[in-house]
Amino acid sequence: MRNPTIDDVRAAVDWALTHDLAALLAYRQVAHLDKGARWQADAALVARWHDATDDQGSARRRVAEHPRAHC
């Protein structure tokens, strides 16, 4: 499983906010309580987002709407 980009994670979180709150809550619990497993939680949420979205192109274009807070 490759590490997802920050933009992929942001897009997956945005998607989960409106489409899969259970996945978002599970992700947040792991991401905030187990820093060692953070990359796995990121990858799992991004994979779930990719599996759930039929139009990958439009979902990825929305990623550009979120400027990075830090580099």
Protein backbone atom coordinates (compact mmCIF):
# COMPACT_ATOMS: atom_id res chain seq x y z
CA MET A 1 0.00 0.00 0.00
CA ARG A 2 1.61 3.27 -1.06
CA ASN A 3 1.46 6.42 1.03
CA PRO A 4 -1.25 8.75 -0.27
CA THR A 5 -0.51 12.40 -0.89
CA ILE A 6 -1.78 15.12 1.44
CA ASP A 7 -4.13 16.22 -1.34
CA ASP A 8 -5.55 12.70 -1.66
CA VAL A 9 -6.17 12.52 2.09
CA ARG A 10 -7.88 15.92 2.10
CA ALA A 11 -10.12 14.92 -0.79
CA ALA A 12 -10.98 11.62 0.90
CA VAL A 13 -11.84 13.42 4.16
CA ASP A 14 -14.02 15.91 2.26
CA TRP A 15 -15.80 13.03 0.54
CA ALA A 16 -16.28 11.14 3.81
CA LEU A 17 -17.82 14.20 5.48
CA THR A 18 -20.80 13.98 3.17
CA HIS A 19 -20.84 10.32 2.15
CA ASP A 20 -19.40 8.05 4.85
CA LEU A 21 -19.29 9.44 8.38
CA ALA A 22 -18.57 6.02 9.89
CA ALA A 23 -15.38 5.73 7.81
CA LEU A 24 -14.39 9.28 8.75
CA LEU A 25 -14.90 8.62 12.47
CA ALA A 26 -12.85 5.41 12.29
CA TYR A 27 -10.12 7.25 10.38
CA ARG A 28 -10.02 10.12 12.87
CA GLN A 29 -9.78 7.76 15.83
CA VAL A 30 -6.76 5.96 14.41
CA ALA A 31 -5.14 9.09 12.98
CA HIS A 32 -5.30 10.97 16.28
CA LEU A 33 -4.79 8.19 18.82
CA ASP A 34 -2.19 6.02 17.08
CA LYS A 35 0.38 8.18 15.30
CA GLY A 36 2.32 5.07 14.28
CA ALA A 37 -0.64 3.81 12.25
CA ARG A 38 -1.45 7.19 10.68
CA TRP A 39 -0.15 6.32 7.21
CA GLN A 40 -2.23 3.13 7.19
CA ALA A 41 -5.35 5.07 8.18
CA ASP A 42 -4.63 7.64 5.44
CA ALA A 43 -4.17 4.90 2.85
CA ALA A 44 -7.32 3.04 3.93
CA LEU A 45 -9.50 6.17 3.77
CA VAL A 46 -8.12 7.15 0.37
CA ALA A 47 -8.68 3.60 -0.93
CA ARG A 48 -12.28 3.68 0.34
CA TRP A 49 -12.79 7.06 -1.39
CA HIS A 50 -11.35 5.72 -4.65
CA ASP A 51 -13.54 2.61 -4.46
CA ALA A 52 -16.67 4.66 -3.78
CA THR A 53 -16.23 7.32 -6.43
CA ASP A 54 -16.99 6.37 -10.00
CA ASP A 55 -15.63 9.52 -11.61
CA GLN A 56 -12.05 9.63 -10.38
CA GLY A 57 -11.15 12.57 -12.61
CA SER A 58 -13.67 15.02 -11.17
CA ALA A 59 -12.92 13.95 -7.59
CA ARG A 60 -9.22 14.54 -8.07
CA ARG A 61 -9.81 17.92 -9.71
CA ARG A 62 -11.59 19.05 -6.54
CA VAL A 63 -8.36 18.44 -4.63
CA ALA A 64 -6.87 21.52 -6.30
CA GLU A 65 -9.48 23.67 -4.56
CA HIS A 66 -7.78 23.10 -1.19
CA PRO A 67 -4.57 25.08 -0.82
CA ARG A 68 -1.93 23.53 1.41
CA ALA A 69 -1.73 24.97 4.90
CA HIS A 70 1.96 24.09 5.13
CA CYS A 71 4.64 22.54 2.98
